Protein backbone atom coordinates (compact mmCIF):
# COMPACT_ATOMS: atom_id res chain seq x y z
CA UNK A 1 -0.03 -0.44 -0.26
CA UNK A 2 0.92 3.88 -0.42
CA UNK A 3 0.55 6.28 1.97
CA UNK A 4 -2.23 8.74 0.76
CA UNK A 5 -2.23 11.29 3.45
CA UNK A 6 -0.92 12.91 7.00
CA UNK A 7 -2.81 15.10 8.66
CA UNK A 8 -1.98 16.98 11.84
CA UNK A 9 -3.86 17.98 14.87
CA UNK A 10 -2.79 20.84 17.23
CA UNK A 11 -4.02 20.05 20.89
CA UNK A 12 -3.51 23.58 23.21
CA UNK A 13 -4.45 24.46 26.69
CA UNK A 14 -6.54 27.51 26.58
CA UNK A 15 -4.08 29.33 28.17
CA UNK A 16 -0.24 28.34 27.60
CA UNK A 17 1.92 29.65 30.49
CA UNK A 18 5.51 30.36 31.17
CA UNK A 19 6.33 27.01 33.11
CA UNK A 20 8.73 24.02 32.40
CA UNK A 21 5.37 21.82 31.70
CA UNK A 22 6.04 20.34 28.09
CA UNK A 23 1.82 18.98 28.34
CA UNK A 24 0.53 22.39 27.71
CA UNK A 25 0.54 21.52 24.24
CA UNK A 26 0.85 18.78 21.52
CA UNK A 27 0.58 18.09 18.24
CA UNK A 28 -1.01 14.58 16.95
CA UNK A 29 -0.39 12.83 13.75
CA UNK A 30 -2.51 10.36 11.99
CA UNK A 31 -1.30 8.63 8.51
CA UNK A 32 -3.93 7.06 6.25
CA UNK A 33 -3.12 3.48 3.96
CA UNK A 34 -4.96 1.60 1.95
CA UNK A 35 -7.85 2.03 4.02
CA UNK A 36 -6.16 1.91 7.79
CA UNK A 37 -4.49 4.87 9.96
CA UNK A 38 -2.18 4.67 12.02
CA UNK A 39 -1.61 7.43 15.15
CA UNK A 40 1.28 9.15 16.46
CA UNK A 41 2.66 12.25 18.48
CA UNK A 42 5.51 14.66 18.24
CA UNK A 43 7.24 15.76 21.65
CA UNK A 44 8.01 19.03 20.43
CA UNK A 45 6.60 22.70 19.68
CA UNK A 46 3.56 22.62 17.68
CA UNK A 47 3.79 24.81 15.25
CA UNK A 48 6.96 24.64 14.05
CA UNK A 49 6.35 20.82 13.44
CA UNK A 50 3.52 21.50 11.40
CA UNK A 51 5.68 24.33 9.43
CA UNK A 52 8.32 21.99 8.49
CA UNK A 53 6.19 19.35 6.72
CA UNK A 54 4.10 22.03 4.67
CA UNK A 55 7.01 24.97 4.30
CA UNK A 56 7.89 25.82 0.67
CA UNK A 57 11.50 24.59 -0.42
CA UNK A 58 14.49 26.63 0.39
CA UNK A 59 16.85 24.08 -1.91
CA UNK A 60 17.54 20.66 -3.02
CA UNK A 61 18.47 19.65 0.72
CA UNK A 62 16.24 21.38 2.57
CA UNK A 63 12.44 20.63 1.39
CA UNK A 64 9.48 19.93 3.19
CA UNK A 65 9.13 16.71 5.24
CA UNK A 66 5.88 15.76 3.30
CA UNK A 67 7.69 15.81 -0.13
CA UNK A 68 9.79 12.27 1.22
CA UNK A 69 6.69 10.74 2.92
CA UNK A 70 3.11 11.00 1.08
CA UNK A 71 3.20 8.25 -1.93
CA UNK A 72 6.01 6.17 -0.69
CA UNK A 73 5.36 2.77 0.27
CA UNK A 74 4.47 0.77 3.38
CA UNK A 75 4.43 -2.62 3.54
CA UNK A 76 6.92 -3.89 5.42
CA UNK A 77 9.61 -2.25 8.44
CA UNK A 78 11.82 -1.85 5.67
CA UNK A 79 9.87 1.12 3.82
CA UNK A 80 9.51 2.92 7.92
CA UNK A 81 13.37 2.73 7.19
CA UNK A 82 13.34 4.09 3.61
CA UNK A 83 11.35 6.96 4.57
CA UNK A 84 13.27 8.15 7.88
CA UNK A 85 16.57 8.20 4.98
CA UNK A 86 14.32 9.69 2.27
CA UNK A 87 13.40 12.75 5.08
CA UNK A 88 16.97 13.10 6.17
CA UNK A 89 18.58 13.42 2.64
CA UNK A 90 15.97 16.30 1.59
CA UNK A 91 15.54 17.94 4.90
CA UNK A 92 18.70 18.03 6.41
CA UNK A 93 19.12 21.80 6.26
CA UNK A 94 15.89 22.15 8.07
CA UNK A 95 16.11 21.43 11.56
CA UNK A 96 12.70 20.87 13.24
CA UNK A 97 12.70 17.67 10.21
CA UNK A 98 13.39 15.04 13.21
CA UNK A 99 11.04 16.17 15.49
CA UNK A 100 7.86 16.27 12.60
CA UNK A 101 9.94 12.76 11.67
CA UNK A 102 8.87 11.29 15.24
CA UNK A 103 5.14 11.60 15.27
CA UNK A 104 5.33 10.28 11.37
CA UNK A 105 7.51 7.39 12.66
CA UNK A 106 5.03 6.28 15.46
CA UNK A 107 2.20 6.49 13.31
CA UNK A 108 3.58 4.67 10.48
CA UNK A 109 4.60 1.59 12.79
CA UNK A 110 1.01 1.82 14.55
CA UNK A 111 -0.20 1.34 10.61
CA UNK A 112 1.98 -1.13 9.85
CA UNK A 113 0.81 -3.54 12.56
CA UNK A 114 -2.49 -2.99 11.91
CA UNK A 115 -1.80 -3.99 8.13
CA UNK A 116 0.45 -6.96 8.99
CA UNK A 117 -1.71 -8.00 11.98
CA UNK A 118 1.28 -7.57 14.32
CA UNK A 119 1.89 -5.77 17.55
CA UNK A 120 4.62 -3.00 17.16
CA UNK A 121 7.06 -4.67 19.48
CA UNK A 122 7.57 -7.93 17.49
CA UNK A 123 7.79 -5.95 13.97
CA UNK A 124 10.93 -3.92 16.17
CA UNK A 125 12.46 -6.80 16.70
CA UNK A 126 10.99 -7.99 20.23
CA UNK A 127 9.58 -10.94 21.63
CA UNK A 128 7.45 -10.04 23.88
CA UNK A 129 5.80 -6.30 25.36
CA UNK A 130 7.97 -5.50 28.57
CA UNK A 131 5.99 -3.84 31.75
CA UNK A 132 6.78 0.01 32.60
CA UNK A 133 6.20 1.65 36.08
CA UNK A 134 4.13 5.19 34.81
CA UNK A 135 5.35 8.08 36.88
CA UNK A 136 3.64 11.25 38.01
CA UNK A 137 5.52 14.46 36.47
CA UNK A 138 5.09 17.80 38.29
CA UNK A 139 7.05 21.12 38.61
CA UNK A 140 8.51 21.25 42.53
CA UNK A 141 6.86 23.94 44.49
CA UNK A 142 7.58 27.27 45.33
CA UNK A 143 8.42 26.31 48.91
CA UNK A 144 9.36 22.83 50.08
CA UNK A 145 6.40 22.74 52.24
CA UNK A 146 4.16 22.74 48.50
CA UNK A 147 6.58 20.41 47.69
CA UNK A 148 5.56 18.37 50.19
CA UNK A 149 2.32 18.57 49.58
CA UNK A 150 2.26 17.89 45.89
CA UNK A 151 4.09 14.53 47.09
CA UNK A 152 2.00 13.19 49.32
CA UNK A 153 -1.04 13.55 47.10
CA UNK A 154 1.07 11.97 44.36
CA UNK A 155 1.99 9.01 46.65
CA UNK A 156 -1.42 8.84 48.08
CA UNK A 157 -2.99 8.38 44.28
CA UNK A 158 -1.03 5.36 43.60
CA UNK A 159 2.14 6.43 41.89
CA UNK A 160 5.15 4.08 42.76
CA UNK A 161 7.06 6.79 40.93
CA UNK A 162 7.08 10.75 40.90
CA UNK A 163 9.64 12.90 38.86
CA UNK A 164 10.08 16.58 40.21
CA UNK A 165 11.53 19.18 38.21
CA UNK A 166 12.31 22.71 36.98
CA UNK A 167 10.91 25.67 39.58
CA UNK A 168 12.85 26.64 41.81
CA UNK A 169 15.76 24.29 41.87
CA UNK A 170 19.62 25.25 41.04
CA UNK A 171 18.94 28.43 41.20
CA UNK A 172 19.55 29.10 44.96
CA UNK A 173 21.68 27.59 47.45
CA UNK A 174 22.76 24.15 47.84
CA UNK A 175 20.60 23.66 51.25
CA UNK A 176 17.19 25.19 49.52
CA UNK A 177 17.41 22.55 46.98
CA UNK A 178 18.46 19.60 49.94
CA UNK A 179 15.37 21.54 51.68
CA UNK A 180 13.16 20.19 48.46
CA UNK A 181 14.60 17.03 47.67
CA UNK A 182 13.76 16.44 51.08
CA UNK A 183 10.35 17.09 51.02
CA UNK A 184 9.73 15.32 47.87
CA UNK A 185 10.89 12.30 49.62
CA UNK A 186 9.29 12.76 52.85
CA UNK A 187 6.12 13.51 50.98
CA UNK A 188 6.70 10.25 49.30
CA UNK A 189 7.56 7.92 51.51
CA UNK A 190 10.94 5.29 51.20
CA UNK A 191 9.58 2.59 49.02
CA UNK A 192 8.45 5.10 45.66
CA UNK A 193 10.68 5.99 42.94
CA UNK A 194 11.87 9.63 43.38
CA UNK A 195 13.25 11.24 40.17
CA UNK A 196 14.95 14.67 39.78
CA UNK A 197 14.30 17.13 36.42
CA UNK A 198 16.61 20.11 36.91
CA UNK A 199 16.09 21.46 32.99
CA UNK A 200 19.67 22.37 32.04
CA UNK A 201 19.69 25.24 34.84
CA UNK A 202 23.46 24.63 35.40
CA UNK A 203 24.66 24.85 31.74
CA UNK A 204 27.75 22.99 31.56
CA UNK A 205 28.88 24.18 35.77
CA UNK A 206 29.52 21.10 37.03
CA UNK A 207 30.80 22.31 40.36
CA UNK A 208 26.82 23.41 40.53
CA UNK A 209 26.03 20.22 39.80
CA UNK A 210 28.59 18.00 42.31
CA UNK A 211 27.25 20.74 44.91
CA UNK A 212 23.95 18.83 45.05
CA UNK A 213 25.35 15.10 44.60
CA UNK A 214 25.13 14.66 48.91
CA UNK A 215 21.35 15.51 48.60
CA UNK A 216 20.48 13.57 46.12
CA UNK A 217 21.70 10.26 47.74
CA UNK A 218 20.47 10.95 50.88
CA UNK A 219 16.72 10.54 49.51
CA UNK A 220 17.84 8.05 46.94
CA UNK A 221 17.37 10.10 43.68
CA UNK A 222 16.70 7.19 41.17
CA UNK A 223 18.16 9.80 38.25
CA UNK A 224 19.27 12.95 38.24
CA UNK A 225 17.43 14.62 34.98
CA UNK A 226 18.84 16.98 32.28
CA UNK A 227 21.72 19.11 35.16
CA UNK A 228 23.55 20.44 31.60
CA UNK A 229 22.54 21.60 28.47
CA UNK A 230 22.32 19.16 25.59
CA UNK A 231 25.13 17.98 24.06
CA UNK A 232 27.30 18.99 26.80
CA UNK A 233 29.43 15.64 26.92
CA UNK A 234 32.23 17.06 29.03
CA UNK A 235 30.26 18.32 31.78
CA UNK A 236 27.86 15.03 31.80
CA UNK A 237 30.94 12.84 31.95
CA UNK A 238 32.77 14.29 35.12
CA UNK A 239 29.60 14.15 36.73
CA UNK A 240 28.77 10.64 35.89
CA UNK A 241 32.24 10.18 37.55
CA UNK A 242 31.80 12.54 40.89
CA UNK A 243 30.81 11.94 44.25
CA UNK A 244 28.58 10.21 45.35
CA UNK A 245 27.51 8.65 42.52
CA UNK A 246 23.85 9.69 41.47
CA UNK A 247 22.60 7.74 38.16
CA UNK A 248 22.12 10.47 34.88
CA UNK A 249 19.15 10.62 32.47
CA UNK A 250 19.35 12.88 29.15
CA UNK A 251 18.62 13.41 25.76
CA UNK A 252 15.05 15.33 25.95
CA UNK A 253 16.76 18.17 24.20
CA UNK A 254 18.55 15.89 21.27
CA UNK A 255 17.36 16.77 17.68
CA UNK A 256 18.48 13.75 15.83
CA UNK A 257 18.87 9.78 16.66
CA UNK A 258 22.36 10.63 15.62
CA UNK A 259 22.78 13.45 18.68
CA UNK A 260 21.05 11.03 21.13
CA UNK A 261 23.60 8.47 20.19
CA UNK A 262 26.53 10.73 21.08
CA UNK A 263 24.64 11.15 24.53
CA UNK A 264 24.01 7.28 24.94
CA UNK A 265 27.80 6.71 24.01
CA UNK A 266 29.63 10.03 25.44
CA UNK A 267 27.80 11.60 28.35
CA UNK A 268 27.92 8.35 31.04
CA UNK A 269 24.30 8.34 31.32
CA UNK A 270 22.42 5.75 33.36
């Protein structure tokens, strides 16, 4: 079958606030082919993502993503990989192209699974699906007391894992941050997973991040997420070797598979 259409659906809260909450808007992708449809989602700014699909061609290596998708064959997994290669060849000067492709890619796997009547995990080469632990994700409170109440509410709602991020963390003293970390742990209890997302606030400042490791270790943080800017490989690797050891997570800011692979290979991530 051939890809007949790709449609984008822009969803947004009535008001988007200037806070570190990426769930205020979203873009869904629907791909249709052979009387079937598949759905995907782009974790990216919706309007630039849609624009990258339909924008005018700038030159031979800066074509809209649409140029490489519609009308292409979709009968086996190799076809999805082929579409990805076409996008990278035809749109490699269009920075948002990989974000746009990500949602299309998910929709293509969904669609192909329906055509072949196979679960997507099997198409990806796995023998079974592995269960995942869902976690609540929320901002730190403005005060440790507010952080405690948020953690207590999440734990009381049955979540076995909670991630706190952004807010005032990293902008004040080590003691102030430690108070928030301990408040989150106290509110959750000792058995739940606690993850901390710093939101790249330290840039490449290894010393500031290292100063928080003891407090993070004391609350048994499962990981410290994005302490530094995306692709700050040296800073990440230095912190990964710091004492006490706290596992690191990152990659949300990566714009391509190549960047993500570099972070995995050279940043000392968990």
